[in-house]
Amino acid sequence: MAEAAPRTGRCLCGALRFSATPTSLDVDVCHCGMCRRWTGGAFMAAACEAVAIENEAAAGVYRSSDYGERVFCKRCGSSLIWRMQDGSSAHVSVSALDDLSGFALAQEIFIDEKPAFYDFANETRKLTGADFVAMFASAEDGSGQ
């Protein structure tokens, strides 16, 4: 797998710019109801480290659960970053990145919540919501991935 270089991205209006280093060039797709409502479709994201927002004043933050929050542009409303409230994990909207080269669709999560009216043609790893949540639970208790 190619090493992912730091990338820059921005919202639709350009008021909110960010830089991030993807942990890989894999694109994950989330079909959960919350992400679909947030983005207007499936959320296509790359896991990133060292996400830095240039203009914090343009960033709105919505705490969507006990553990996660969503970052958006206050001016144009672009959905940009999903992150853990404790800062341990962040996923940026791949479509907001300036350079999309090298990325490949790899995984679909909450596949059991995906509406029937669309499918992706690519072969991907598919996880139900329960499978995805179980991955985190096993990582926290040391019994798995």
N, C-alpha and C. Protein backbone atom coordinates (compact mmCIF):
# COMPACT_ATOMS: atom_id res chain seq x y z
N MET A 1 0.85 -1.17 0.00
CA MET A 1 0.00 0.00 0.00
C MET A 1 0.89 1.24 0.00
N ALA A 2 0.53 2.21 -0.81
CA ALA A 2 1.29 3.45 -0.88
C ALA A 2 1.12 4.25 0.41
N GLU A 3 2.19 4.92 0.79
CA GLU A 3 2.12 5.77 1.98
C GLU A 3 1.33 7.03 1.64
N ALA A 4 0.46 7.42 2.53
CA ALA A 4 -0.38 8.59 2.30
C ALA A 4 0.37 9.85 2.73
N ALA A 5 0.42 10.82 1.83
CA ALA A 5 1.06 12.10 2.11
C ALA A 5 0.05 13.06 2.72
N PRO A 6 0.51 14.08 3.42
CA PRO A 6 -0.43 15.08 3.95
C PRO A 6 -1.26 15.69 2.81
N ARG A 7 -2.52 15.96 3.10
CA ARG A 7 -3.44 16.53 2.11
C ARG A 7 -4.08 17.78 2.70
N THR A 8 -4.52 18.64 1.81
CA THR A 8 -5.28 19.82 2.21
C THR A 8 -6.70 19.66 1.71
N GLY A 9 -7.61 20.37 2.33
CA GLY A 9 -9.01 20.33 1.91
C GLY A 9 -9.71 21.60 2.30
N ARG A 10 -10.95 21.73 1.83
CA ARG A 10 -11.71 22.93 2.13
C ARG A 10 -13.19 22.66 1.94
N CYS A 11 -13.97 23.57 2.48
CA CYS A 11 -15.42 23.52 2.31
C CYS A 11 -15.79 24.12 0.95
N LEU A 12 -17.06 24.13 0.65
CA LEU A 12 -17.56 24.65 -0.62
C LEU A 12 -17.22 26.12 -0.83
N CYS A 13 -17.38 26.95 0.20
CA CYS A 13 -17.14 28.39 0.06
C CYS A 13 -15.69 28.79 0.29
N GLY A 14 -14.87 27.89 0.82
CA GLY A 14 -13.46 28.17 1.06
C GLY A 14 -13.16 28.83 2.40
N ALA A 15 -14.18 29.11 3.20
CA ALA A 15 -13.95 29.76 4.50
C ALA A 15 -13.24 28.85 5.49
N LEU A 16 -13.46 27.54 5.38
CA LEU A 16 -12.85 26.58 6.29
C LEU A 16 -11.88 25.70 5.50
N ARG A 17 -10.62 25.83 5.81
CA ARG A 17 -9.59 25.01 5.18
C ARG A 17 -8.94 24.16 6.26
N PHE A 18 -8.46 22.99 5.84
CA PHE A 18 -7.81 22.11 6.81
C PHE A 18 -6.69 21.34 6.13
N SER A 19 -5.82 20.77 6.94
CA SER A 19 -4.81 19.84 6.45
C SER A 19 -4.90 18.58 7.32
N ALA A 20 -4.59 17.46 6.70
CA ALA A 20 -4.68 16.18 7.40
C ALA A 20 -3.77 15.17 6.72
N THR A 21 -3.31 14.22 7.49
CA THR A 21 -2.51 13.13 6.94
C THR A 21 -3.32 11.85 7.04
N PRO A 22 -3.77 11.30 5.90
CA PRO A 22 -4.52 10.04 5.94
C PRO A 22 -3.65 8.92 6.51
N THR A 23 -4.26 8.03 7.28
CA THR A 23 -3.52 6.89 7.81
C THR A 23 -3.29 5.84 6.72
N SER A 24 -4.10 5.90 5.67
CA SER A 24 -3.94 5.05 4.49
C SER A 24 -4.70 5.74 3.36
N LEU A 25 -4.69 5.12 2.19
CA LEU A 25 -5.44 5.67 1.06
C LEU A 25 -6.77 4.95 0.88
N ASP A 26 -7.20 4.25 1.93
CA ASP A 26 -8.50 3.57 1.91
C ASP A 26 -9.63 4.55 2.18
N VAL A 27 -10.69 4.42 1.41
CA VAL A 27 -11.90 5.21 1.63
C VAL A 27 -12.93 4.30 2.27
N ASP A 28 -13.45 4.73 3.39
CA ASP A 28 -14.53 4.02 4.08
C ASP A 28 -15.83 4.75 3.81
N VAL A 29 -16.89 3.98 3.62
CA VAL A 29 -18.21 4.55 3.38
C VAL A 29 -19.11 4.17 4.55
N CYS A 30 -19.75 5.17 5.14
CA CYS A 30 -20.69 4.90 6.23
C CYS A 30 -22.11 5.12 5.73
N HIS A 31 -22.94 4.10 5.92
CA HIS A 31 -24.34 4.16 5.49
C HIS A 31 -25.29 4.40 6.66
N CYS A 32 -24.78 4.68 7.86
CA CYS A 32 -25.68 4.84 9.00
C CYS A 32 -26.62 6.03 8.77
N GLY A 33 -27.76 5.97 9.41
CA GLY A 33 -28.76 7.02 9.25
C GLY A 33 -28.25 8.39 9.64
N MET A 34 -27.42 8.45 10.67
CA MET A 34 -26.90 9.74 11.12
C MET A 34 -25.99 10.37 10.06
N CYS A 35 -25.08 9.57 9.49
CA CYS A 35 -24.19 10.10 8.45
C CYS A 35 -24.97 10.48 7.20
N ARG A 36 -25.97 9.68 6.84
CA ARG A 36 -26.77 10.01 5.65
C ARG A 36 -27.50 11.33 5.84
N ARG A 37 -28.02 11.57 7.01
CA ARG A 37 -28.70 12.85 7.27
C ARG A 37 -27.71 14.02 7.29
N TRP A 38 -26.51 13.76 7.79
CA TRP A 38 -25.49 14.80 7.89
C TRP A 38 -24.97 15.22 6.52
N THR A 39 -24.76 14.25 5.63
CA THR A 39 -24.14 14.54 4.34
C THR A 39 -25.12 14.58 3.18
N GLY A 40 -26.33 14.09 3.37
CA GLY A 40 -27.26 14.00 2.26
C GLY A 40 -27.03 12.76 1.42
N GLY A 41 -26.23 11.84 1.89
CA GLY A 41 -25.91 10.59 1.19
C GLY A 41 -24.97 9.80 2.07
N ALA A 42 -24.31 8.83 1.49
CA ALA A 42 -23.32 8.05 2.24
C ALA A 42 -22.11 8.95 2.54
N PHE A 43 -21.53 8.80 3.72
CA PHE A 43 -20.34 9.57 4.10
C PHE A 43 -19.11 8.80 3.64
N MET A 44 -18.37 9.36 2.69
CA MET A 44 -17.14 8.75 2.19
C MET A 44 -15.97 9.45 2.84
N ALA A 45 -15.20 8.70 3.62
CA ALA A 45 -14.19 9.32 4.47
C ALA A 45 -12.88 8.55 4.49
N ALA A 46 -11.84 9.27 4.87
CA ALA A 46 -10.53 8.67 5.09
C ALA A 46 -10.13 8.92 6.54
N ALA A 47 -9.67 7.88 7.20
CA ALA A 47 -9.15 8.04 8.56
C ALA A 47 -7.88 8.88 8.48
N CYS A 48 -7.76 9.85 9.35
CA CYS A 48 -6.62 10.77 9.31
C CYS A 48 -6.05 11.01 10.69
N GLU A 49 -4.80 11.40 10.70
CA GLU A 49 -4.17 11.87 11.93
C GLU A 49 -3.74 13.31 11.70
N ALA A 50 -3.45 13.99 12.74
CA ALA A 50 -2.95 15.36 12.66
C ALA A 50 -3.83 16.26 11.80
N VAL A 51 -5.13 16.27 12.06
CA VAL A 51 -6.05 17.16 11.35
C VAL A 51 -5.93 18.56 11.96
N ALA A 52 -5.64 19.54 11.12
CA ALA A 52 -5.51 20.92 11.59
C ALA A 52 -6.45 21.82 10.79
N ILE A 53 -7.29 22.55 11.49
CA ILE A 53 -8.22 23.48 10.86
C ILE A 53 -7.58 24.86 10.86
N GLU A 54 -7.51 25.49 9.68
CA GLU A 54 -6.85 26.80 9.56
C GLU A 54 -7.66 27.93 10.19
N ASN A 55 -8.96 27.94 9.99
CA ASN A 55 -9.79 29.04 10.48
C ASN A 55 -10.85 28.48 11.42
N GLU A 56 -10.47 28.27 12.67
CA GLU A 56 -11.38 27.67 13.66
C GLU A 56 -12.69 28.45 13.78
N ALA A 57 -12.66 29.77 13.55
CA ALA A 57 -13.88 30.59 13.67
C ALA A 57 -14.94 30.19 12.66
N ALA A 58 -14.53 29.59 11.54
CA ALA A 58 -15.47 29.16 10.50
C ALA A 58 -16.06 27.78 10.79
N ALA A 59 -15.50 27.09 11.77
CA ALA A 59 -15.90 25.71 12.05
C ALA A 59 -17.03 25.65 13.07
N GLY A 60 -18.07 24.93 12.70
CA GLY A 60 -19.12 24.59 13.65
C GLY A 60 -18.90 23.16 14.09
N VAL A 61 -19.26 22.84 15.31
CA VAL A 61 -19.10 21.48 15.83
C VAL A 61 -20.43 21.04 16.40
N TYR A 62 -20.89 19.87 15.93
CA TYR A 62 -22.13 19.30 16.42
C TYR A 62 -21.81 17.99 17.12
N ARG A 63 -22.11 17.89 18.39
CA ARG A 63 -21.91 16.64 19.14
C ARG A 63 -23.08 15.72 18.84
N SER A 64 -22.82 14.74 17.99
CA SER A 64 -23.90 13.89 17.50
C SER A 64 -24.13 12.64 18.33
N SER A 65 -23.25 12.35 19.27
CA SER A 65 -23.42 11.18 20.15
C SER A 65 -22.61 11.42 21.42
N ASP A 66 -22.62 10.43 22.29
CA ASP A 66 -21.84 10.52 23.52
C ASP A 66 -20.34 10.54 23.26
N TYR A 67 -19.92 10.05 22.08
CA TYR A 67 -18.49 9.93 21.79
C TYR A 67 -18.04 10.70 20.56
N GLY A 68 -18.93 10.99 19.61
CA GLY A 68 -18.51 11.60 18.36
C GLY A 68 -19.04 13.00 18.14
N GLU A 69 -18.32 13.73 17.28
CA GLU A 69 -18.77 15.06 16.89
C GLU A 69 -18.46 15.29 15.42
N ARG A 70 -19.22 16.19 14.82
CA ARG A 70 -19.11 16.45 13.39
C ARG A 70 -18.76 17.92 13.18
N VAL A 71 -17.77 18.14 12.33
CA VAL A 71 -17.30 19.49 12.05
C VAL A 71 -17.82 19.91 10.68
N PHE A 72 -18.35 21.12 10.62
CA PHE A 72 -18.92 21.64 9.38
C PHE A 72 -18.57 23.12 9.25
N CYS A 73 -18.72 23.66 8.05
CA CYS A 73 -18.50 25.09 7.84
C CYS A 73 -19.74 25.85 8.26
N LYS A 74 -19.57 26.85 9.11
CA LYS A 74 -20.71 27.65 9.57
C LYS A 74 -21.28 28.52 8.46
N ARG A 75 -20.49 28.81 7.45
CA ARG A 75 -20.95 29.69 6.38
C ARG A 75 -21.73 28.94 5.29
N CYS A 76 -21.15 27.86 4.76
CA CYS A 76 -21.81 27.16 3.65
C CYS A 76 -22.44 25.83 4.05
N GLY A 77 -22.12 25.33 5.25
CA GLY A 77 -22.73 24.10 5.74
C GLY A 77 -22.05 22.82 5.32
N SER A 78 -20.93 22.89 4.60
CA SER A 78 -20.25 21.67 4.15
C SER A 78 -19.91 20.76 5.33
N SER A 79 -20.18 19.47 5.16
CA SER A 79 -19.86 18.44 6.15
C SER A 79 -18.42 18.00 5.90
N LEU A 80 -17.54 18.16 6.87
CA LEU A 80 -16.12 17.97 6.61
C LEU A 80 -15.42 16.89 7.42
N ILE A 81 -15.66 16.84 8.72
CA ILE A 81 -14.87 15.95 9.58
C ILE A 81 -15.77 15.30 10.62
N TRP A 82 -15.61 13.98 10.78
CA TRP A 82 -16.21 13.28 11.92
C TRP A 82 -15.04 12.92 12.82
N ARG A 83 -15.16 13.18 14.11
CA ARG A 83 -14.07 12.87 15.02
C ARG A 83 -14.60 12.44 16.39
N MET A 84 -13.76 11.68 17.09
CA MET A 84 -14.06 11.31 18.46
C MET A 84 -13.88 12.56 19.32
N GLN A 85 -14.75 12.74 20.30
CA GLN A 85 -14.65 13.90 21.18
C GLN A 85 -13.34 13.92 21.97
N ASP A 86 -12.79 12.73 22.23
CA ASP A 86 -11.53 12.67 22.99
C ASP A 86 -10.30 12.88 22.11
N GLY A 87 -10.50 13.10 20.80
CA GLY A 87 -9.40 13.36 19.88
C GLY A 87 -8.66 12.13 19.41
N SER A 88 -9.13 10.93 19.76
CA SER A 88 -8.42 9.71 19.42
C SER A 88 -8.55 9.28 17.97
N SER A 89 -9.51 9.81 17.25
CA SER A 89 -9.76 9.38 15.88
C SER A 89 -10.46 10.48 15.10
N ALA A 90 -10.12 10.60 13.82
CA ALA A 90 -10.79 11.57 12.95
C ALA A 90 -10.91 11.00 11.54
N HIS A 91 -12.02 11.28 10.90
CA HIS A 91 -12.26 10.88 9.51
C HIS A 91 -12.69 12.12 8.74
N VAL A 92 -11.98 12.41 7.65
CA VAL A 92 -12.33 13.58 6.85
C VAL A 92 -13.09 13.16 5.61
N SER A 93 -13.98 14.03 5.17
CA SER A 93 -14.71 13.79 3.94
C SER A 93 -13.72 13.79 2.78
N VAL A 94 -13.59 12.65 2.11
CA VAL A 94 -12.64 12.54 1.01
C VAL A 94 -12.97 13.56 -0.08
N SER A 95 -14.24 13.80 -0.32
CA SER A 95 -14.65 14.73 -1.37
C SER A 95 -14.23 16.17 -1.09
N ALA A 96 -13.91 16.50 0.15
CA ALA A 96 -13.47 17.85 0.49
C ALA A 96 -11.97 18.05 0.28
N LEU A 97 -11.25 16.97 0.01
CA LEU A 97 -9.81 17.07 -0.19
C LEU A 97 -9.49 17.67 -1.56
N ASP A 98 -8.41 18.41 -1.63
CA ASP A 98 -7.99 19.03 -2.89
C ASP A 98 -7.39 18.02 -3.85
N ASP A 99 -6.73 16.99 -3.34
CA ASP A 99 -6.07 15.97 -4.16
C ASP A 99 -6.65 14.61 -3.81
N LEU A 100 -7.37 14.02 -4.75
CA LEU A 100 -8.02 12.72 -4.52
C LEU A 100 -7.20 11.56 -5.09
N SER A 101 -6.02 11.83 -5.61
CA SER A 101 -5.24 10.78 -6.26
C SER A 101 -4.84 9.69 -5.26
N GLY A 102 -4.90 8.46 -5.75
CA GLY A 102 -4.47 7.32 -4.97
C GLY A 102 -5.50 6.67 -4.07
N PHE A 103 -6.58 7.36 -3.79
CA PHE A 103 -7.60 6.79 -2.90
C PHE A 103 -8.38 5.68 -3.59
N ALA A 104 -8.80 4.69 -2.81
CA ALA A 104 -9.61 3.59 -3.33
C ALA A 104 -10.66 3.20 -2.30
N LEU A 105 -11.86 2.93 -2.79
CA LEU A 105 -12.96 2.49 -1.93
C LEU A 105 -12.59 1.14 -1.32
N ALA A 106 -12.65 1.03 0.00
CA ALA A 106 -12.19 -0.18 0.67
C ALA A 106 -13.23 -0.86 1.54
N GLN A 107 -14.04 -0.09 2.25
CA GLN A 107 -14.91 -0.67 3.27
C GLN A 107 -16.23 0.10 3.36
N GLU A 108 -17.30 -0.63 3.60
CA GLU A 108 -18.61 -0.04 3.84
C GLU A 108 -19.07 -0.49 5.22
N ILE A 109 -19.44 0.48 6.05
CA ILE A 109 -19.91 0.16 7.39
C ILE A 109 -21.38 0.52 7.54
N PHE A 110 -22.02 -0.11 8.50
CA PHE A 110 -23.47 0.01 8.69
C PHE A 110 -24.19 -0.38 7.40
N ILE A 111 -23.69 -1.45 6.78
CA ILE A 111 -24.27 -1.91 5.51
C ILE A 111 -25.74 -2.31 5.69
N ASP A 112 -26.10 -2.69 6.91
CA ASP A 112 -27.49 -3.06 7.19
C ASP A 112 -28.42 -1.86 7.23
N GLU A 113 -27.88 -0.64 7.23
CA GLU A 113 -28.70 0.57 7.19
C GLU A 113 -28.70 1.24 5.82
N LYS A 114 -27.98 0.65 4.85
CA LYS A 114 -27.89 1.22 3.51
C LYS A 114 -29.25 1.14 2.82
N PRO A 115 -29.73 2.25 2.26
CA PRO A 115 -30.99 2.20 1.51
C PRO A 115 -30.84 1.29 0.29
N ALA A 116 -31.94 0.70 -0.14
CA ALA A 116 -31.92 -0.24 -1.26
C ALA A 116 -31.71 0.44 -2.62
N PHE A 117 -31.88 1.75 -2.70
CA PHE A 117 -31.87 2.40 -4.01
C PHE A 117 -30.47 2.70 -4.56
N TYR A 118 -29.41 2.38 -3.84
CA TYR A 118 -28.07 2.53 -4.41
C TYR A 118 -27.15 1.41 -3.95
N ASP A 119 -26.13 1.15 -4.76
CA ASP A 119 -25.07 0.19 -4.46
C ASP A 119 -23.79 0.71 -5.09
N PHE A 120 -22.66 0.38 -4.49
CA PHE A 120 -21.36 0.69 -5.09
C PHE A 120 -20.89 -0.54 -5.86
N ALA A 121 -20.33 -0.35 -7.04
CA ALA A 121 -19.90 -1.45 -7.88
C ALA A 121 -18.61 -2.10 -7.38
N ASN A 122 -17.79 -1.36 -6.67
CA ASN A 122 -16.51 -1.88 -6.18
C ASN A 122 -16.72 -3.01 -5.18
N GLU A 123 -15.79 -3.95 -5.17
CA GLU A 123 -15.78 -4.97 -4.14
C GLU A 123 -15.19 -4.34 -2.88
N THR A 124 -15.92 -4.40 -1.79
CA THR A 124 -15.48 -3.80 -0.54
C THR A 124 -15.71 -4.76 0.62
N ARG A 125 -15.01 -4.53 1.70
CA ARG A 125 -15.32 -5.21 2.95
C ARG A 125 -16.61 -4.57 3.47
N LYS A 126 -17.56 -5.39 3.90
CA LYS A 126 -18.85 -4.87 4.36
C LYS A 126 -19.09 -5.31 5.80
N LEU A 127 -19.41 -4.33 6.65
CA LEU A 127 -19.67 -4.60 8.06
C LEU A 127 -21.04 -4.05 8.44
N THR A 128 -21.79 -4.84 9.20
CA THR A 128 -23.05 -4.34 9.75
C THR A 128 -22.72 -3.36 10.87
N GLY A 129 -23.71 -2.65 11.33
CA GLY A 129 -23.51 -1.76 12.47
C GLY A 129 -23.02 -2.53 13.68
N ALA A 130 -23.61 -3.70 13.94
CA ALA A 130 -23.20 -4.51 15.09
C ALA A 130 -21.76 -4.98 14.95
N ASP A 131 -21.36 -5.39 13.74
CA ASP A 131 -19.97 -5.81 13.50
C ASP A 131 -19.00 -4.67 13.79
N PHE A 132 -19.36 -3.49 13.31
CA PHE A 132 -18.49 -2.32 13.47
C PHE A 132 -18.35 -1.94 14.95
N VAL A 133 -19.45 -1.89 15.66
CA VAL A 133 -19.42 -1.56 17.09
C VAL A 133 -18.64 -2.63 17.86
N ALA A 134 -18.80 -3.90 17.49
CA ALA A 134 -18.08 -4.99 18.16
C ALA A 134 -16.57 -4.86 17.98
N MET A 135 -16.13 -4.35 16.83
CA MET A 135 -14.70 -4.14 16.61
C MET A 135 -14.13 -3.18 17.66
N PHE A 136 -14.86 -2.11 17.95
CA PHE A 136 -14.40 -1.15 18.94
C PHE A 136 -14.45 -1.74 20.34
N ALA A 137 -15.49 -2.50 20.63
CA ALA A 137 -15.62 -3.10 21.96
C ALA A 137 -14.48 -4.08 22.22
N SER A 138 -14.14 -4.90 21.20
CA SER A 138 -13.06 -5.87 21.39
C SER A 138 -11.71 -5.18 21.48
N ALA A 139 -11.53 -4.06 20.79
CA ALA A 139 -10.28 -3.32 20.88
C ALA A 139 -10.13 -2.70 22.27
N GLU A 140 -11.23 -2.21 22.84
CA GLU A 140 -11.18 -1.58 24.16
C GLU A 140 -10.88 -2.58 25.26
N ASP A 141 -11.41 -3.82 25.12
CA ASP A 141 -11.17 -4.79 26.19
C ASP A 141 -9.96 -5.68 25.90
N GLY A 142 -9.27 -5.43 24.77
CA GLY A 142 -8.05 -6.16 24.46
C GLY A 142 -8.27 -7.53 23.85
N SER A 143 -9.50 -7.88 23.47
CA SER A 143 -9.77 -9.22 22.96
C SER A 143 -9.72 -9.31 21.44
N GLY A 144 -9.50 -8.23 20.75
CA GLY A 144 -9.53 -8.30 19.29
C GLY A 144 -8.69 -7.24 18.64
N GLN A 145 -9.01 -7.01 17.39
CA GLN A 145 -8.27 -6.16 16.46
C GLN A 145 -7.75 -4.91 17.07
